[in-house]
Amino acid sequence: YYPCQHGTASMKAVLPALTGKTYENLAIHEGGQASSEFMRVTFGKVPDADRQQVLRNLEEYCGQDTLGMLDILQRLAVITSPQELLQHSRRAGHIVKELKTGMGTANHVSL
């Protein structure tokens, strides 16, 4: 886990932690909102223009989820490659050495 995930493995935390991509710029940016908007335009009395806009927003949100999963898989493939693991291991070794000698700070701990 990365510290910026705040202990959660949700897409909304993992995607930005591993790729820098977020949901912030989307009209619909979380699952509860997506569900309620879907229910509202599917079963409620909503003008057709509103319905069409919400459906476009839902497609964009779901597309971000789908592409986000692929982006996460690609990033995990990179960071678990032998070269990257070796690099992380070396960095971790340096961090441990610095912490043991009192030269390191808590900010160095994130790999």
PDB file of N, CA and C in Angstrom:
ATOM      1  N   TYR A   1       0.826  -1.192   0.000  1.00  0.00           N
ATOM      2  CA  TYR A   1       0.000   0.000   0.000  1.00  0.00           C
ATOM      3  C   TYR A   1       0.863   1.246   0.000  1.00  0.00           C
ATOM      4  N   TYR A   2       0.366   2.266  -0.673  1.00  0.00           N
ATOM      5  CA  TYR A   2       1.003   3.576  -0.625  1.00  0.00           C
ATOM      6  C   TYR A   2       0.293   4.386   0.454  1.00  0.00           C
ATOM      7  N   PRO A   3       1.001   5.249   1.162  1.00  0.00           N
ATOM      8  CA  PRO A   3       0.360   6.046   2.219  1.00  0.00           C
ATOM      9  C   PRO A   3      -0.841   6.844   1.717  1.00  0.00           C
ATOM     10  N   CYS A   4      -0.801   7.326   0.472  1.00  0.00           N
ATOM     11  CA  CYS A   4      -1.912   8.133  -0.031  1.00  0.00           C
ATOM     12  C   CYS A   4      -3.190   7.318  -0.250  1.00  0.00           C
ATOM     13  N   GLN A   5      -3.119   6.002  -0.094  1.00  0.00           N
ATOM     14  CA  GLN A   5      -4.325   5.169  -0.183  1.00  0.00           C
ATOM     15  C   GLN A   5      -5.112   5.199   1.117  1.00  0.00           C
ATOM     16  N   HIS A   6      -4.519   5.697   2.174  1.00  0.00           N
ATOM     17  CA  HIS A   6      -5.176   5.801   3.481  1.00  0.00           C
ATOM     18  C   HIS A   6      -5.775   4.466   3.931  1.00  0.00           C
ATOM     19  N   GLY A   7      -5.050   3.380   3.672  1.00  0.00           N
ATOM     20  CA  GLY A   7      -5.458   2.066   4.145  1.00  0.00           C
ATOM     21  C   GLY A   7      -6.566   1.402   3.355  1.00  0.00           C
ATOM     22  N   THR A   8      -6.931   1.933   2.217  1.00  0.00           N
ATOM     23  CA  THR A   8      -8.010   1.338   1.436  1.00  0.00           C
ATOM     24  C   THR A   8      -7.488   0.836   0.090  1.00  0.00           C
ATOM     25  N   ALA A   9      -8.147  -0.170  -0.425  1.00  0.00           N
ATOM     26  CA  ALA A   9      -7.774  -0.726  -1.725  1.00  0.00           C
ATOM     27  C   ALA A   9      -8.833  -0.403  -2.781  1.00  0.00           C
ATOM     28  N   SER A  10      -9.627   0.637  -2.545  1.00  0.00           N
ATOM     29  CA  SER A  10     -10.665   1.012  -3.512  1.00  0.00           C
ATOM     30  C   SER A  10     -10.019   1.601  -4.763  1.00  0.00           C
ATOM     31  N   MET A  11     -10.720   1.502  -5.862  1.00  0.00           N
ATOM     32  CA  MET A  11     -10.238   2.082  -7.123  1.00  0.00           C
ATOM     33  C   MET A  11      -9.922   3.560  -6.960  1.00  0.00           C
ATOM     34  N   LYS A  12     -10.756   4.266  -6.210  1.00  0.00           N
ATOM     35  CA  LYS A  12     -10.582   5.716  -6.061  1.00  0.00           C
ATOM     36  C   LYS A  12      -9.295   6.047  -5.321  1.00  0.00           C
ATOM     37  N   ALA A  13      -8.742   5.113  -4.562  1.00  0.00           N
ATOM     38  CA  ALA A  13      -7.478   5.330  -3.857  1.00  0.00           C
ATOM     39  C   ALA A  13      -6.300   4.735  -4.622  1.00  0.00           C
ATOM     40  N   VAL A  14      -6.485   3.550  -5.192  1.00  0.00           N
ATOM     41  CA  VAL A  14      -5.383   2.858  -5.870  1.00  0.00           C
ATOM     42  C   VAL A  14      -5.022   3.532  -7.190  1.00  0.00           C
ATOM     43  N   LEU A  15      -6.013   3.918  -7.969  1.00  0.00           N
ATOM     44  CA  LEU A  15      -5.738   4.513  -9.280  1.00  0.00           C
ATOM     45  C   LEU A  15      -4.836   5.747  -9.182  1.00  0.00           C
ATOM     46  N   PRO A  16      -5.170   6.732  -8.340  1.00  0.00           N
ATOM     47  CA  PRO A  16      -4.263   7.884  -8.255  1.00  0.00           C
ATOM     48  C   PRO A  16      -2.916   7.540  -7.623  1.00  0.00           C
ATOM     49  N   ALA A  17      -2.906   6.594  -6.684  1.00  0.00           N
ATOM     50  CA  ALA A  17      -1.646   6.226  -6.033  1.00  0.00           C
ATOM     51  C   ALA A  17      -0.666   5.614  -7.027  1.00  0.00           C
ATOM     52  N   LEU A  18      -1.171   4.803  -7.943  1.00  0.00           N
ATOM     53  CA  LEU A  18      -0.286   4.116  -8.884  1.00  0.00           C
ATOM     54  C   LEU A  18      -0.108   4.842 -10.204  1.00  0.00           C
ATOM     55  N   THR A  19      -1.103   5.632 -10.611  1.00  0.00           N
ATOM     56  CA  THR A  19      -1.041   6.224 -11.954  1.00  0.00           C
ATOM     57  C   THR A  19      -1.138   7.750 -11.972  1.00  0.00           C
ATOM     58  N   GLY A  20      -1.596   8.337 -10.898  1.00  0.00           N
ATOM     59  CA  GLY A  20      -1.811   9.787 -10.883  1.00  0.00           C
ATOM     60  C   GLY A  20      -3.145  10.210 -11.469  1.00  0.00           C
ATOM     61  N   LYS A  21      -3.911   9.275 -12.005  1.00  0.00           N
ATOM     62  CA  LYS A  21      -5.228   9.608 -12.573  1.00  0.00           C
ATOM     63  C   LYS A  21      -6.267   9.635 -11.462  1.00  0.00           C
ATOM     64  N   THR A  22      -7.238  10.545 -11.597  1.00  0.00           N
ATOM     65  CA  THR A  22      -8.281  10.657 -10.576  1.00  0.00           C
ATOM     66  C   THR A  22      -9.660  10.717 -11.239  1.00  0.00           C
ATOM     67  N   TYR A  23     -10.659  10.761 -10.392  1.00  0.00           N
ATOM     68  CA  TYR A  23     -12.045  10.891 -10.832  1.00  0.00           C
ATOM     69  C   TYR A  23     -12.549  12.316 -10.628  1.00  0.00           C
ATOM     70  N   GLU A  24     -11.706  13.179 -10.109  1.00  0.00           N
ATOM     71  CA  GLU A  24     -12.127  14.526  -9.714  1.00  0.00           C
ATOM     72  C   GLU A  24     -12.710  15.349 -10.848  1.00  0.00           C
ATOM     73  N   ASN A  25     -12.238  15.161 -12.069  1.00  0.00           N
ATOM     74  CA  ASN A  25     -12.709  15.982 -13.186  1.00  0.00           C
ATOM     75  C   ASN A  25     -13.981  15.444 -13.836  1.00  0.00           C
ATOM     76  N   LEU A  26     -14.519  14.348 -13.326  1.00  0.00           N
ATOM     77  CA  LEU A  26     -15.729  13.759 -13.900  1.00  0.00           C
ATOM     78  C   LEU A  26     -16.976  14.314 -13.223  1.00  0.00           C
ATOM     79  N   ALA A  27     -18.064  14.402 -13.956  1.00  0.00           N
ATOM     80  CA  ALA A  27     -19.335  14.858 -13.387  1.00  0.00           C
ATOM     81  C   ALA A  27     -19.825  13.869 -12.328  1.00  0.00           C
ATOM     82  N   ILE A  28     -19.617  12.592 -12.568  1.00  0.00           N
ATOM     83  CA  ILE A  28     -19.914  11.540 -11.593  1.00  0.00           C
ATOM     84  C   ILE A  28     -18.564  10.991 -11.166  1.00  0.00           C
ATOM     85  N   HIS A  29     -18.265  11.063  -9.864  1.00  0.00           N
ATOM     86  CA  HIS A  29     -16.932  10.682  -9.442  1.00  0.00           C
ATOM     87  C   HIS A  29     -16.873   9.674  -8.300  1.00  0.00           C
ATOM     88  N   GLU A  30     -17.989   9.031  -8.003  1.00  0.00           N
ATOM     89  CA  GLU A  30     -17.961   7.936  -7.030  1.00  0.00           C
ATOM     90  C   GLU A  30     -19.163   7.015  -7.227  1.00  0.00           C
ATOM     91  N   GLY A  31     -19.004   5.776  -6.761  1.00  0.00           N
ATOM     92  CA  GLY A  31     -19.985   4.728  -7.040  1.00  0.00           C
ATOM     93  C   GLY A  31     -21.386   4.988  -6.534  1.00  0.00           C
ATOM     94  N   GLY A  32     -21.513   5.544  -5.329  1.00  0.00           N
ATOM     95  CA  GLY A  32     -22.841   5.843  -4.790  1.00  0.00           C
ATOM     96  C   GLY A  32     -23.583   6.846  -5.647  1.00  0.00           C
ATOM     97  N   GLN A  33     -22.862   7.831  -6.107  1.00  0.00           N
ATOM     98  CA  GLN A  33     -23.452   8.842  -6.987  1.00  0.00           C
ATOM     99  C   GLN A  33     -23.860   8.209  -8.311  1.00  0.00           C
ATOM    100  N   ALA A  34     -23.019   7.323  -8.836  1.00  0.00           N
ATOM    101  CA  ALA A  34     -23.337   6.643 -10.101  1.00  0.00           C
ATOM    102  C   ALA A  34     -24.619   5.824  -9.950  1.00  0.00           C
ATOM    103  N   SER A  35     -24.729   5.097  -8.858  1.00  0.00           N
ATOM    104  CA  SER A  35     -25.923   4.265  -8.627  1.00  0.00           C
ATOM    105  C   SER A  35     -27.184   5.110  -8.505  1.00  0.00           C
ATOM    106  N   SER A  36     -27.099   6.170  -7.714  1.00  0.00           N
ATOM    107  CA  SER A  36     -28.305   6.987  -7.512  1.00  0.00           C
ATOM    108  C   SER A  36     -28.705   7.719  -8.793  1.00  0.00           C
ATOM    109  N   GLU A  37     -27.740   8.186  -9.561  1.00  0.00           N
ATOM    110  CA  GLU A  37     -28.061   8.843 -10.833  1.00  0.00           C
ATOM    111  C   GLU A  37     -28.671   7.850 -11.829  1.00  0.00           C
ATOM    112  N   PHE A  38     -28.144   6.647 -11.856  1.00  0.00           N
ATOM    113  CA  PHE A  38     -28.714   5.623 -12.743  1.00  0.00           C
ATOM    114  C   PHE A  38     -30.174   5.357 -12.366  1.00  0.00           C
ATOM    115  N   MET A  39     -30.422   5.171 -11.071  1.00  0.00           N
ATOM    116  CA  MET A  39     -31.790   4.911 -10.614  1.00  0.00           C
ATOM    117  C   MET A  39     -32.704   6.097 -10.944  1.00  0.00           C
ATOM    118  N   ARG A  40     -32.205   7.303 -10.737  1.00  0.00           N
ATOM    119  CA  ARG A  40     -33.004   8.498 -10.970  1.00  0.00           C
ATOM    120  C   ARG A  40     -33.423   8.614 -12.433  1.00  0.00           C
ATOM    121  N   VAL A  41     -32.489   8.421 -13.369  1.00  0.00           N
ATOM    122  CA  VAL A  41     -32.840   8.603 -14.782  1.00  0.00           C
ATOM    123  C   VAL A  41     -33.522   7.377 -15.377  1.00  0.00           C
ATOM    124  N   THR A  42     -33.374   6.238 -14.733  1.00  0.00           N
ATOM    125  CA  THR A  42     -34.018   5.022 -15.242  1.00  0.00           C
ATOM    126  C   THR A  42     -35.460   4.924 -14.773  1.00  0.00           C
ATOM    127  N   PHE A  43     -35.718   5.258 -13.513  1.00  0.00           N
ATOM    128  CA  PHE A  43     -37.048   5.055 -12.949  1.00  0.00           C
ATOM    129  C   PHE A  43     -37.781   6.348 -12.600  1.00  0.00           C
ATOM    130  N   GLY A  44     -37.102   7.476 -12.670  1.00  0.00           N
ATOM    131  CA  GLY A  44     -37.731   8.755 -12.327  1.00  0.00           C
ATOM    132  C   GLY A  44     -38.255   9.479 -13.548  1.00  0.00           C
ATOM    133  N   LYS A  45     -39.053  10.492 -13.280  1.00  0.00           N
ATOM    134  CA  LYS A  45     -39.554  11.347 -14.360  1.00  0.00           C
ATOM    135  C   LYS A  45     -38.512  12.437 -14.588  1.00  0.00           C
ATOM    136  N   VAL A  46     -37.724  12.229 -15.624  1.00  0.00           N
ATOM    137  CA  VAL A  46     -36.593  13.111 -15.904  1.00  0.00           C
ATOM    138  C   VAL A  46     -36.680  13.543 -17.365  1.00  0.00           C
ATOM    139  N   PRO A  47     -36.456  14.814 -17.633  1.00  0.00           N
ATOM    140  CA  PRO A  47     -36.449  15.256 -19.040  1.00  0.00           C
ATOM    141  C   PRO A  47     -35.414  14.462 -19.841  1.00  0.00           C
ATOM    142  N   ASP A  48     -35.741  14.212 -21.094  1.00  0.00           N
ATOM    143  CA  ASP A  48     -34.877  13.393 -21.942  1.00  0.00           C
ATOM    144  C   ASP A  48     -33.457  13.958 -22.035  1.00  0.00           C
ATOM    145  N   ALA A  49     -33.325  15.269 -22.090  1.00  0.00           N
ATOM    146  CA  ALA A  49     -31.988  15.882 -22.178  1.00  0.00           C
ATOM    147  C   ALA A  49     -31.162  15.567 -20.929  1.00  0.00           C
ATOM    148  N   ASP A  50     -31.805  15.621 -19.750  1.00  0.00           N
ATOM    149  CA  ASP A  50     -31.124  15.256 -18.497  1.00  0.00           C
ATOM    150  C   ASP A  50     -30.697  13.792 -18.522  1.00  0.00           C
ATOM    151  N   ARG A  51     -31.638  12.947 -18.943  1.00  0.00           N
ATOM    152  CA  ARG A  51     -31.365  11.504 -19.001  1.00  0.00           C
ATOM    153  C   ARG A  51     -30.153  11.228 -19.896  1.00  0.00           C
ATOM    154  N   GLN A  52     -30.128  11.840 -21.062  1.00  0.00           N
ATOM    155  CA  GLN A  52     -29.024  11.613 -21.998  1.00  0.00           C
ATOM    156  C   GLN A  52     -27.696  12.106 -21.421  1.00  0.00           C
ATOM    157  N   GLN A  53     -27.713  13.253 -20.729  1.00  0.00           N
ATOM    158  CA  GLN A  53     -26.486  13.785 -20.127  1.00  0.00           C
ATOM    159  C   GLN A  53     -25.980  12.858 -19.025  1.00  0.00           C
ATOM    160  N   VAL A  54     -26.883  12.385 -18.178  1.00  0.00           N
ATOM    161  CA  VAL A  54     -26.485  11.478 -17.099  1.00  0.00           C
ATOM    162  C   VAL A  54     -25.930  10.181 -17.674  1.00  0.00           C
ATOM    163  N   LEU A  55     -26.558   9.669 -18.720  1.00  0.00           N
ATOM    164  CA  LEU A  55     -26.060   8.434 -19.334  1.00  0.00           C
ATOM    165  C   LEU A  55     -24.650   8.638 -19.913  1.00  0.00           C
ATOM    166  N   ARG A  56     -24.396   9.793 -20.501  1.00  0.00           N
ATOM    167  CA  ARG A  56     -23.035  10.105 -20.990  1.00  0.00           C
ATOM    168  C   ARG A  56     -22.058  10.178 -19.812  1.00  0.00           C
ATOM    169  N   ASN A  57     -22.491  10.815 -18.731  1.00  0.00           N
ATOM    170  CA  ASN A  57     -21.647  10.911 -17.531  1.00  0.00           C
ATOM    171  C   ASN A  57     -21.350   9.537 -16.943  1.00  0.00           C
ATOM    172  N   LEU A  58     -22.361   8.667 -16.946  1.00  0.00           N
ATOM    173  CA  LEU A  58     -22.161   7.310 -16.443  1.00  0.00           C
ATOM    174  C   LEU A  58     -21.197   6.528 -17.327  1.00  0.00           C
ATOM    175  N   GLU A  59     -21.316   6.706 -18.643  1.00  0.00           N
ATOM    176  CA  GLU A  59     -20.378   6.037 -19.550  1.00  0.00           C
ATOM    177  C   GLU A  59     -18.949   6.511 -19.296  1.00  0.00           C
ATOM    178  N   GLU A  60     -18.792   7.796 -19.067  1.00  0.00           N
ATOM    179  CA  GLU A  60     -17.465   8.343 -18.788  1.00  0.00           C
ATOM    180  C   GLU A  60     -16.912   7.788 -17.474  1.00  0.00           C
ATOM    181  N   TYR A  61     -17.754   7.749 -16.442  1.00  0.00           N
ATOM    182  CA  TYR A  61     -17.350   7.219 -15.135  1.00  0.00           C
ATOM    183  C   TYR A  61     -16.987   5.734 -15.234  1.00  0.00           C
ATOM    184  N   CYS A  62     -17.842   4.952 -15.873  1.00  0.00           N
ATOM    185  CA  CYS A  62     -17.574   3.511 -16.020  1.00  0.00           C
ATOM    186  C   CYS A  62     -16.347   3.277 -16.900  1.00  0.00           C
ATOM    187  N   GLY A  63     -16.168   4.118 -17.904  1.00  0.00           N
ATOM    188  CA  GLY A  63     -14.981   4.022 -18.744  1.00  0.00           C
ATOM    189  C   GLY A  63     -13.715   4.278 -17.947  1.00  0.00           C
ATOM    190  N   GLN A  64     -13.777   5.250 -17.037  1.00  0.00           N
ATOM    191  CA  GLN A  64     -12.623   5.533 -16.174  1.00  0.00           C
ATOM    192  C   GLN A  64     -12.316   4.324 -15.296  1.00  0.00           C
ATOM    193  N   ASP A  65     -13.349   3.674 -14.779  1.00  0.00           N
ATOM    194  CA  ASP A  65     -13.139   2.455 -13.984  1.00  0.00           C
ATOM    195  C   ASP A  65     -12.463   1.369 -14.825  1.00  0.00           C
ATOM    196  N   THR A  66     -12.979   1.155 -16.023  1.00  0.00           N
ATOM    197  CA  THR A  66     -12.446   0.089 -16.883  1.00  0.00           C
ATOM    198  C   THR A  66     -11.009   0.385 -17.294  1.00  0.00           C
ATOM    199  N   LEU A  67     -10.765   1.574 -17.813  1.00  0.00           N
ATOM    200  CA  LEU A  67      -9.399   1.930 -18.201  1.00  0.00           C
ATOM    201  C   LEU A  67      -8.486   2.002 -16.983  1.00  0.00           C
ATOM    202  N   GLY A  68      -9.037   2.429 -15.861  1.00  0.00           N
ATOM    203  CA  GLY A  68      -8.265   2.485 -14.624  1.00  0.00           C
ATOM    204  C   GLY A  68      -7.757   1.120 -14.205  1.00  0.00           C
ATOM    205  N   MET A  69      -8.597   0.114 -14.343  1.00  0.00           N
ATOM    206  CA  MET A  69      -8.159  -1.257 -14.014  1.00  0.00           C
ATOM    207  C   MET A  69      -7.004  -1.679 -14.914  1.00  0.00           C
ATOM    208  N   LEU A  70      -7.097  -1.360 -16.188  1.00  0.00           N
ATOM    209  CA  LEU A  70      -6.003  -1.692 -17.112  1.00  0.00           C
ATOM    210  C   LEU A  70      -4.741  -0.916 -16.758  1.00  0.00           C
ATOM    211  N   ASP A  71      -4.897   0.367 -16.435  1.00  0.00           N
ATOM    212  CA  ASP A  71      -3.743   1.180 -16.049  1.00  0.00           C
ATOM    213  C   ASP A  71      -3.076   0.637 -14.786  1.00  0.00           C
ATOM    214  N   ILE A  72      -3.892   0.204 -13.821  1.00  0.00           N
ATOM    215  CA  ILE A  72      -3.353  -0.372 -12.587  1.00  0.00           C
ATOM    216  C   ILE A  72      -2.588  -1.652 -12.896  1.00  0.00           C
ATOM    217  N   LEU A  73      -3.176  -2.508 -13.725  1.00  0.00           N
ATOM    218  CA  LEU A  73      -2.487  -3.753 -14.096  1.00  0.00           C
ATOM    219  C   LEU A  73      -1.164  -3.472 -14.798  1.00  0.00           C
ATOM    220  N   GLN A  74      -1.166  -2.503 -15.701  1.00  0.00           N
ATOM    221  CA  GLN A  74       0.079  -2.149 -16.395  1.00  0.00           C
ATOM    222  C   GLN A  74       1.117  -1.617 -15.421  1.00  0.00           C
ATOM    223  N   ARG A  75       0.698  -0.779 -14.490  1.00  0.00           N
ATOM    224  CA  ARG A  75       1.638  -0.227 -13.509  1.00  0.00           C
ATOM    225  C   ARG A  75       2.175  -1.316 -12.595  1.00  0.00           C
ATOM    226  N   LEU A  76       1.307  -2.242 -12.171  1.00  0.00           N
ATOM    227  CA  LEU A  76       1.757  -3.349 -11.322  1.00  0.00           C
ATOM    228  C   LEU A  76       2.753  -4.235 -12.070  1.00  0.00           C
ATOM    229  N   ALA A  77       2.525  -4.423 -13.364  1.00  0.00           N
ATOM    230  CA  ALA A  77       3.465  -5.208 -14.165  1.00  0.00           C
ATOM    231  C   ALA A  77       4.835  -4.545 -14.185  1.00  0.00           C
ATOM    232  N   VAL A  78       4.837  -3.217 -14.267  1.00  0.00           N
ATOM    233  CA  VAL A  78       6.111  -2.488 -14.285  1.00  0.00           C
ATOM    234  C   VAL A  78       6.806  -2.576 -12.931  1.00  0.00           C
ATOM    235  N   ILE A  79       6.065  -2.292 -11.860  1.00  0.00           N
ATOM    236  CA  ILE A  79       6.724  -2.247 -10.550  1.00  0.00           C
ATOM    237  C   ILE A  79       7.052  -3.622  -9.991  1.00  0.00           C
ATOM    238  N   THR A  80       6.521  -4.668 -10.597  1.00  0.00           N
ATOM    239  CA  THR A  80       6.889  -6.011 -10.154  1.00  0.00           C
ATOM    240  C   THR A  80       7.868  -6.676 -11.117  1.00  0.00           C
ATOM    241  N   SER A  81       8.356  -5.914 -12.105  1.00  0.00           N
ATOM    242  CA  SER A  81       9.363  -6.475 -13.002  1.00  0.00           C
ATOM    243  C   SER A  81      10.648  -6.673 -12.212  1.00  0.00           C
ATOM    244  N   PRO A  82      11.467  -7.648 -12.589  1.00  0.00           N
ATOM    245  CA  PRO A  82      12.703  -7.903 -11.836  1.00  0.00           C
ATOM    246  C   PRO A  82      13.571  -6.655 -11.668  1.00  0.00           C
ATOM    247  N   GLN A  83      13.697  -5.835 -12.712  1.00  0.00           N
ATOM    248  CA  GLN A  83      14.526  -4.633 -12.614  1.00  0.00           C
ATOM    249  C   GLN A  83      13.947  -3.646 -11.595  1.00  0.00           C
ATOM    250  N   GLU A  84      12.654  -3.458 -11.647  1.00  0.00           N
ATOM    251  CA  GLU A  84      12.009  -2.513 -10.730  1.00  0.00           C
ATOM    252  C   GLU A  84      12.070  -3.034  -9.295  1.00  0.00           C
ATOM    253  N   LEU A  85      11.860  -4.326  -9.105  1.00  0.00           N
ATOM    254  CA  LEU A  85      11.951  -4.886  -7.753  1.00  0.00           C
ATOM    255  C   LEU A  85      13.351  -4.715  -7.192  1.00  0.00           C
ATOM    256  N   LEU A  86      14.347  -4.918  -8.016  1.00  0.00           N
ATOM    257  CA  LEU A  86      15.731  -4.729  -7.582  1.00  0.00           C
ATOM    258  C   LEU A  86      15.967  -3.273  -7.195  1.00  0.00           C
ATOM    259  N   GLN A  87      15.451  -2.362  -7.997  1.00  0.00           N
ATOM    260  CA  GLN A  87      15.603  -0.936  -7.709  1.00  0.00           C
ATOM    261  C   GLN A  87      14.924  -0.575  -6.386  1.00  0.00           C
ATOM    262  N   HIS A  88      13.702  -1.084  -6.156  1.00  0.00           N
ATOM    263  CA  HIS A  88      12.994  -0.838  -4.895  1.00  0.00           C
ATOM    264  C   HIS A  88      13.770  -1.431  -3.729  1.00  0.00           C
ATOM    265  N   SER A  89      14.318  -2.609  -3.928  1.00  0.00           N
ATOM    266  CA  SER A  89      15.080  -3.267  -2.883  1.00  0.00           C
ATOM    267  C   SER A  89      16.303  -2.441  -2.510  1.00  0.00           C
ATOM    268  N   ARG A  90      16.980  -1.911  -3.511  1.00  0.00           N
ATOM    269  CA  ARG A  90      18.158  -1.065  -3.244  1.00  0.00           C
ATOM    270  C   ARG A  90      17.750   0.199  -2.493  1.00  0.00           C
ATOM    271  N   ARG A  91      16.648   0.830  -2.943  1.00  0.00           N
ATOM    272  CA  ARG A  91      16.174   2.035  -2.258  1.00  0.00           C
ATOM    273  C   ARG A  91      15.811   1.713  -0.810  1.00  0.00           C
ATOM    274  N   ALA A  92      15.135   0.598  -0.608  1.00  0.00           N
ATOM    275  CA  ALA A  92      14.742   0.205   0.744  1.00  0.00           C
ATOM    276  C   ALA A  92      15.977  -0.025   1.606  1.00  0.00           C
ATOM    277  N   GLY A  93      17.000  -0.641   1.030  1.00  0.00           N
ATOM    278  CA  GLY A  93      18.244  -0.864   1.771  1.00  0.00           C
ATOM    279  C   GLY A  93      18.882   0.441   2.194  1.00  0.00           C
ATOM    280  N   HIS A  94      18.895   1.418   1.309  1.00  0.00           N
ATOM    281  CA  HIS A  94      19.459   2.730   1.640  1.00  0.00           C
ATOM    282  C   HIS A  94      18.640   3.414   2.728  1.00  0.00           C
ATOM    283  N   ILE A  95      17.336   3.290   2.638  1.00  0.00           N
ATOM    284  CA  ILE A  95      16.456   3.913   3.634  1.00  0.00           C
ATOM    285  C   ILE A  95      16.686   3.295   5.003  1.00  0.00           C
ATOM    286  N   VAL A  96      16.742   1.976   5.050  1.00  0.00           N
ATOM    287  CA  VAL A  96      16.980   1.287   6.326  1.00  0.00           C
ATOM    288  C   VAL A  96      18.313   1.720   6.906  1.00  0.00           C
ATOM    289  N   LYS A  97      19.337   1.793   6.073  1.00  0.00           N
ATOM    290  CA  LYS A  97      20.666   2.207   6.529  1.00  0.00           C
ATOM    291  C   LYS A  97      20.607   3.628   7.094  1.00  0.00           C
ATOM    292  N   GLU A  98      19.929   4.545   6.388  1.00  0.00           N
ATOM    293  CA  GLU A  98      19.808   5.922   6.864  1.00  0.00           C
ATOM    294  C   GLU A  98      19.061   5.984   8.187  1.00  0.00           C
ATOM    295  N   LEU A  99      17.984   5.212   8.297  1.00  0.00           N
ATOM    296  CA  LEU A  99      17.209   5.228   9.536  1.00  0.00           C
ATOM    297  C   LEU A  99      18.028   4.680  10.702  1.00  0.00           C
ATOM    298  N   LYS A 100      18.813   3.639  10.445  1.00  0.00           N
ATOM    299  CA  LYS A 100      19.644   3.051  11.503  1.00  0.00           C
ATOM    300  C   LYS A 100      20.733   4.010  11.961  1.00  0.00           C
ATOM    301  N   THR A 101      21.237   4.832  11.052  1.00  0.00           N
ATOM    302  CA  THR A 101      22.300   5.766  11.408  1.00  0.00           C
ATOM    303  C   THR A 101      21.743   7.098  11.889  1.00  0.00           C
ATOM    304  N   GLY A 102      20.419   7.249  11.886  1.00  0.00           N
ATOM    305  CA  GLY A 102      19.803   8.471  12.367  1.00  0.00           C
ATOM    306  C   GLY A 102      19.776   9.586  11.346  1.00  0.00           C
ATOM    307  N   MET A 103      20.149   9.303  10.108  1.00  0.00           N
ATOM    308  CA  MET A 103      20.165  10.343   9.075  1.00  0.00           C
ATOM    309  C   MET A 103      18.836  10.427   8.333  1.00  0.00           C
ATOM    310  N   GLY A 104      18.035   9.397   8.391  1.00  0.00           N
ATOM    311  CA  GLY A 104      16.808   9.366   7.615  1.00  0.00           C
ATOM    312  C   GLY A 104      15.658  10.027   8.339  1.00  0.00           C
ATOM    313  N   THR A 105      14.585  10.282   7.582  1.00  0.00           N
ATOM    314  CA  THR A 105      13.364  10.849   8.156  1.00  0.00           C
ATOM    315  C   THR A 105      12.207   9.974   7.731  1.00  0.00           C
ATOM    316  N   ALA A 106      11.093  10.166   8.357  1.00  0.00           N
ATOM    317  CA  ALA A 106       9.892   9.380   8.017  1.00  0.00           C
ATOM    318  C   ALA A 106       9.473   9.584   6.573  1.00  0.00           C
ATOM    319  N   ASN A 107       9.805  10.732   5.979  1.00  0.00           N
ATOM    320  CA  ASN A 107       9.424  11.003   4.592  1.00  0.00           C
ATOM    321  C   ASN A 107      10.118  10.075   3.613  1.00  0.00           C
ATOM    322  N   HIS A 108      11.235   9.509   3.971  1.00  0.00           N
ATOM    323  CA  HIS A 108      11.978   8.629   3.080  1.00  0.00           C
ATOM    324  C   HIS A 108      11.368   7.240   3.005  1.00  0.00           C
ATOM    325  N   VAL A 109      10.473   6.902   3.901  1.00  0.00           N
ATOM    326  CA  VAL A 109      10.011   5.528   3.986  1.00  0.00           C
ATOM    327  C   VAL A 109       9.160   5.107   2.808  1.00  0.00           C
ATOM    328  N   SER A 110       8.464   6.010   2.160  1.00  0.00           N
ATOM    329  CA  SER A 110       7.641   5.590   1.015  1.00  0.00           C
ATOM    330  C   SER A 110       8.535   5.274  -0.169  1.00  0.00           C
ATOM    331  N   LEU A 111       8.344   4.088  -0.700  1.00  0.00           N
ATOM    332  CA  LEU A 111       9.118   3.642  -1.846  1.00  0.00           C
ATOM    333  C   LEU A 111       8.366   4.003  -3.094  1.00  0.00           C
TER     334      LEU A 111
END
